[in-house]
């Protein structure tokens, strides 16, 4: 069996908006489907409803004919500064780093 290599994508943009505004957009996991090339939907799970360290969310993903779910855990969250999460059995991105 061939071991699949993780997908790695890096995108950098300069957007003329306050960091707090952009952070609020990217940490609204209900909107991930609007911005991700593979995650179609997501929602916070458990007792959290926002991006706190240790919080988890469920992601519904699709790439070509492949579909899968994930439950990432937030590993860094500082409004206006950084938002990072780890995907079980995979690599998680830092999707906001000011």
N, C-alpha and C. Protein backbone atom coordinates (compact mmCIF):
# COMPACT_ATOMS: atom_id res chain seq x y z
N UNK A 1 0.85 -1.18 0.00
CA UNK A 1 0.00 0.00 0.00
C UNK A 1 0.89 1.23 0.00
N UNK A 2 0.56 2.18 -0.82
CA UNK A 2 1.31 3.42 -0.92
C UNK A 2 0.86 4.40 0.16
N UNK A 3 1.82 5.00 0.83
CA UNK A 3 1.49 6.01 1.84
C UNK A 3 1.27 7.35 1.13
N UNK A 4 0.12 7.95 1.39
CA UNK A 4 -0.20 9.25 0.79
C UNK A 4 0.55 10.36 1.50
N UNK A 5 1.03 11.29 0.74
CA UNK A 5 1.70 12.45 1.29
C UNK A 5 0.66 13.49 1.68
N UNK A 6 0.88 14.21 2.77
CA UNK A 6 -0.08 15.25 3.16
C UNK A 6 -0.12 16.38 2.13
N UNK A 7 -1.28 16.96 2.03
CA UNK A 7 -1.45 18.11 1.14
C UNK A 7 -0.92 19.34 1.86
N UNK A 8 -0.11 20.11 1.18
CA UNK A 8 0.44 21.32 1.77
C UNK A 8 0.15 22.49 0.85
N UNK A 9 -0.51 23.49 1.39
CA UNK A 9 -0.84 24.68 0.62
C UNK A 9 -0.48 25.89 1.46
N UNK A 10 0.21 26.84 0.87
CA UNK A 10 0.51 28.09 1.55
C UNK A 10 -0.02 29.23 0.70
N UNK A 11 -0.77 30.10 1.34
CA UNK A 11 -1.32 31.27 0.66
C UNK A 11 -1.06 32.46 1.56
N UNK A 12 -0.58 33.52 0.98
CA UNK A 12 -0.34 34.74 1.75
C UNK A 12 -0.99 35.90 1.02
N UNK A 13 -1.73 36.70 1.75
CA UNK A 13 -2.41 37.86 1.16
C UNK A 13 -2.28 39.04 2.10
N UNK A 14 -2.19 40.22 1.54
CA UNK A 14 -2.27 41.44 2.32
C UNK A 14 -3.65 42.02 2.04
N UNK A 15 -4.43 42.17 3.09
CA UNK A 15 -5.81 42.64 2.96
C UNK A 15 -5.95 43.91 3.79
N UNK A 16 -6.44 44.98 3.18
CA UNK A 16 -6.56 46.25 3.92
C UNK A 16 -7.76 46.24 4.88
N UNK A 17 -7.59 45.54 5.99
CA UNK A 17 -8.63 45.47 7.02
C UNK A 17 -7.96 45.25 8.36
N UNK A 18 -8.62 45.63 9.44
CA UNK A 18 -8.05 45.41 10.76
C UNK A 18 -7.85 43.91 11.03
N UNK A 19 -6.75 43.52 11.67
CA UNK A 19 -6.50 42.11 11.96
C UNK A 19 -7.64 41.43 12.73
N UNK A 20 -8.28 42.16 13.65
CA UNK A 20 -9.37 41.59 14.43
C UNK A 20 -10.56 41.21 13.53
N UNK A 21 -10.84 42.03 12.53
CA UNK A 21 -11.93 41.75 11.60
C UNK A 21 -11.64 40.48 10.80
N UNK A 22 -10.42 40.36 10.29
CA UNK A 22 -10.04 39.18 9.52
C UNK A 22 -10.03 37.94 10.39
N UNK A 23 -9.54 38.06 11.60
CA UNK A 23 -9.52 36.94 12.54
C UNK A 23 -10.94 36.43 12.78
N UNK A 24 -11.87 37.34 13.00
CA UNK A 24 -13.26 36.95 13.25
C UNK A 24 -13.84 36.19 12.06
N UNK A 25 -13.44 36.54 10.86
CA UNK A 25 -13.93 35.85 9.67
C UNK A 25 -13.36 34.43 9.60
N UNK A 26 -12.04 34.29 9.72
CA UNK A 26 -11.44 32.97 9.55
C UNK A 26 -11.72 32.03 10.73
N UNK A 27 -12.06 32.55 11.89
CA UNK A 27 -12.37 31.68 13.02
C UNK A 27 -13.85 31.35 13.12
N UNK A 28 -14.65 31.87 12.23
CA UNK A 28 -16.07 31.52 12.16
C UNK A 28 -16.15 30.23 11.35
N UNK A 29 -16.01 29.07 12.02
CA UNK A 29 -15.90 27.81 11.28
C UNK A 29 -17.13 27.50 10.44
N UNK A 30 -18.24 28.10 10.74
CA UNK A 30 -19.43 27.92 9.91
C UNK A 30 -19.25 28.49 8.51
N UNK A 31 -18.22 29.32 8.32
CA UNK A 31 -17.95 29.92 7.01
C UNK A 31 -16.79 29.26 6.27
N UNK A 32 -16.19 28.22 6.86
CA UNK A 32 -15.03 27.59 6.24
C UNK A 32 -15.34 27.15 4.81
N UNK A 33 -16.52 26.65 4.57
CA UNK A 33 -16.89 26.19 3.22
C UNK A 33 -16.78 27.27 2.16
N UNK A 34 -16.85 28.54 2.58
CA UNK A 34 -16.71 29.65 1.63
C UNK A 34 -15.25 29.90 1.24
N UNK A 35 -14.32 29.43 2.08
CA UNK A 35 -12.92 29.80 1.90
C UNK A 35 -11.97 28.64 1.64
N UNK A 36 -12.37 27.42 1.94
CA UNK A 36 -11.48 26.28 1.84
C UNK A 36 -11.63 25.55 0.50
N UNK A 37 -10.51 25.05 -0.04
CA UNK A 37 -10.60 24.29 -1.28
C UNK A 37 -11.13 22.87 -1.06
N UNK A 38 -11.16 22.38 0.18
CA UNK A 38 -11.64 21.03 0.41
C UNK A 38 -12.67 20.90 1.52
N UNK A 39 -12.66 21.77 2.52
CA UNK A 39 -13.64 21.69 3.60
C UNK A 39 -14.93 22.36 3.14
N UNK A 40 -15.99 21.59 3.12
CA UNK A 40 -17.28 22.10 2.62
C UNK A 40 -18.14 22.71 3.72
N UNK A 41 -17.96 22.23 4.96
CA UNK A 41 -18.76 22.74 6.08
C UNK A 41 -18.04 22.39 7.38
N UNK A 42 -18.33 23.15 8.42
CA UNK A 42 -17.74 22.87 9.73
C UNK A 42 -18.65 23.46 10.80
N UNK A 43 -18.52 22.88 12.01
CA UNK A 43 -19.27 23.40 13.15
C UNK A 43 -18.52 23.05 14.42
N UNK A 44 -18.63 23.94 15.40
CA UNK A 44 -18.01 23.69 16.70
C UNK A 44 -18.72 22.52 17.35
N UNK A 45 -17.97 21.69 18.10
CA UNK A 45 -18.56 20.56 18.81
C UNK A 45 -18.21 20.66 20.29
N UNK A 46 -18.97 19.98 21.10
CA UNK A 46 -18.74 20.02 22.54
C UNK A 46 -19.36 21.26 23.14
N UNK A 47 -18.73 21.75 24.20
CA UNK A 47 -19.29 22.88 24.95
C UNK A 47 -18.77 24.22 24.48
N UNK A 48 -18.13 24.27 23.34
CA UNK A 48 -17.56 25.53 22.87
C UNK A 48 -18.35 26.05 21.67
N UNK A 49 -18.26 27.34 21.48
CA UNK A 49 -18.87 27.94 20.29
C UNK A 49 -17.93 28.97 19.66
N UNK A 50 -16.64 28.80 19.96
CA UNK A 50 -15.68 29.76 19.42
C UNK A 50 -14.26 29.25 19.52
N UNK A 51 -13.34 30.02 18.99
CA UNK A 51 -11.95 29.60 18.83
C UNK A 51 -11.08 29.73 20.08
N UNK A 52 -11.29 28.86 21.04
CA UNK A 52 -10.44 28.83 22.23
C UNK A 52 -9.46 27.66 22.10
N UNK A 53 -8.28 27.79 22.68
CA UNK A 53 -7.33 26.68 22.68
C UNK A 53 -7.99 25.47 23.32
N UNK A 54 -7.92 24.33 22.65
CA UNK A 54 -8.55 23.10 23.12
C UNK A 54 -9.92 22.86 22.53
N UNK A 55 -10.53 23.89 21.94
CA UNK A 55 -11.85 23.72 21.31
C UNK A 55 -11.72 22.81 20.10
N UNK A 56 -12.81 22.10 19.78
CA UNK A 56 -12.81 21.21 18.63
C UNK A 56 -13.96 21.58 17.70
N UNK A 57 -13.75 21.28 16.43
CA UNK A 57 -14.84 21.44 15.47
C UNK A 57 -14.82 20.27 14.50
N UNK A 58 -15.98 19.99 13.94
CA UNK A 58 -16.11 18.91 12.97
C UNK A 58 -16.11 19.52 11.57
N UNK A 59 -15.24 19.01 10.72
CA UNK A 59 -15.17 19.47 9.34
C UNK A 59 -15.63 18.38 8.40
N UNK A 60 -16.43 18.76 7.42
CA UNK A 60 -16.88 17.84 6.36
C UNK A 60 -16.11 18.23 5.10
N UNK A 61 -15.30 17.30 4.62
CA UNK A 61 -14.37 17.59 3.54
C UNK A 61 -14.68 16.79 2.28
N UNK A 62 -14.24 17.37 1.16
CA UNK A 62 -14.42 16.71 -0.13
C UNK A 62 -13.32 17.19 -1.07
N UNK A 63 -12.68 16.23 -1.73
CA UNK A 63 -11.65 16.54 -2.71
C UNK A 63 -11.81 15.52 -3.83
N UNK A 64 -12.28 15.99 -4.98
CA UNK A 64 -12.60 15.06 -6.06
C UNK A 64 -13.74 14.15 -5.61
N UNK A 65 -13.55 12.85 -5.76
CA UNK A 65 -14.57 11.88 -5.34
C UNK A 65 -14.41 11.45 -3.88
N UNK A 66 -13.37 11.91 -3.24
CA UNK A 66 -13.10 11.53 -1.84
C UNK A 66 -13.85 12.46 -0.88
N UNK A 67 -14.47 11.85 0.13
CA UNK A 67 -15.17 12.60 1.17
C UNK A 67 -14.75 12.05 2.52
N UNK A 68 -14.56 12.93 3.49
CA UNK A 68 -14.18 12.50 4.83
C UNK A 68 -14.51 13.59 5.84
N UNK A 69 -14.58 13.20 7.11
CA UNK A 69 -14.82 14.12 8.21
C UNK A 69 -13.57 14.21 9.07
N UNK A 70 -13.37 15.33 9.72
CA UNK A 70 -12.27 15.51 10.64
C UNK A 70 -12.78 16.18 11.91
N UNK A 71 -12.03 16.07 12.99
CA UNK A 71 -12.34 16.80 14.23
C UNK A 71 -11.05 17.47 14.72
N UNK A 72 -10.69 18.59 14.10
CA UNK A 72 -9.50 19.32 14.51
C UNK A 72 -9.64 19.91 15.92
N UNK A 73 -8.49 20.15 16.53
CA UNK A 73 -8.42 20.79 17.84
C UNK A 73 -7.63 22.10 17.69
N UNK A 74 -8.18 23.17 18.23
CA UNK A 74 -7.51 24.47 18.18
C UNK A 74 -6.28 24.42 19.08
N UNK A 75 -5.12 24.77 18.52
CA UNK A 75 -3.86 24.74 19.27
C UNK A 75 -3.32 26.13 19.60
N UNK A 76 -3.80 27.14 18.90
CA UNK A 76 -3.41 28.53 19.19
C UNK A 76 -4.55 29.44 18.76
N UNK A 77 -4.90 30.37 19.62
CA UNK A 77 -5.99 31.30 19.31
C UNK A 77 -5.78 32.59 20.10
N UNK A 78 -5.40 33.61 19.38
CA UNK A 78 -5.24 34.93 19.98
C UNK A 78 -5.83 35.92 18.99
N UNK A 79 -6.97 36.50 19.34
CA UNK A 79 -7.71 37.36 18.41
C UNK A 79 -6.82 38.44 17.81
N UNK A 80 -6.86 38.51 16.50
CA UNK A 80 -6.08 39.50 15.77
C UNK A 80 -4.63 39.10 15.57
N UNK A 81 -4.22 37.94 16.11
CA UNK A 81 -2.81 37.53 16.03
C UNK A 81 -2.61 36.19 15.34
N UNK A 82 -3.20 35.13 15.89
CA UNK A 82 -2.95 33.79 15.35
C UNK A 82 -4.15 32.87 15.60
N UNK A 83 -4.43 32.01 14.62
CA UNK A 83 -5.41 30.94 14.76
C UNK A 83 -4.82 29.71 14.10
N UNK A 84 -4.69 28.65 14.89
CA UNK A 84 -4.03 27.44 14.40
C UNK A 84 -4.77 26.23 14.95
N UNK A 85 -4.85 25.16 14.14
CA UNK A 85 -5.47 23.94 14.63
C UNK A 85 -4.74 22.72 14.10
N UNK A 86 -4.87 21.61 14.82
CA UNK A 86 -4.26 20.35 14.44
C UNK A 86 -5.36 19.37 14.05
N UNK A 87 -5.15 18.72 12.92
CA UNK A 87 -6.09 17.73 12.43
C UNK A 87 -5.57 16.36 12.89
N UNK A 88 -6.43 15.53 13.54
CA UNK A 88 -5.96 14.21 13.95
C UNK A 88 -5.39 13.43 12.77
N UNK A 89 -4.29 12.79 12.99
CA UNK A 89 -3.62 11.96 11.97
C UNK A 89 -3.17 12.79 10.77
N UNK A 90 -2.98 14.05 10.96
CA UNK A 90 -2.56 14.89 9.84
C UNK A 90 -1.97 16.19 10.34
N UNK A 91 -1.78 17.07 9.41
CA UNK A 91 -1.20 18.36 9.72
C UNK A 91 -2.29 19.41 9.71
N UNK A 92 -2.23 20.33 10.62
CA UNK A 92 -3.20 21.41 10.66
C UNK A 92 -2.54 22.73 10.33
N UNK A 93 -3.29 23.61 9.78
CA UNK A 93 -2.71 24.88 9.35
C UNK A 93 -2.75 25.96 10.42
N UNK A 94 -1.91 26.92 10.20
CA UNK A 94 -2.09 28.21 10.85
C UNK A 94 -2.81 29.03 9.79
N UNK A 95 -4.07 29.35 10.02
CA UNK A 95 -4.80 30.03 8.95
C UNK A 95 -4.89 31.53 9.19
N UNK A 96 -4.38 31.98 10.28
CA UNK A 96 -4.31 33.42 10.50
C UNK A 96 -3.08 33.66 11.32
N UNK A 97 -2.18 34.47 10.82
CA UNK A 97 -0.97 34.80 11.56
C UNK A 97 -0.59 36.23 11.19
N UNK A 98 -0.88 37.14 12.09
CA UNK A 98 -0.62 38.57 11.83
C UNK A 98 0.72 38.95 12.39
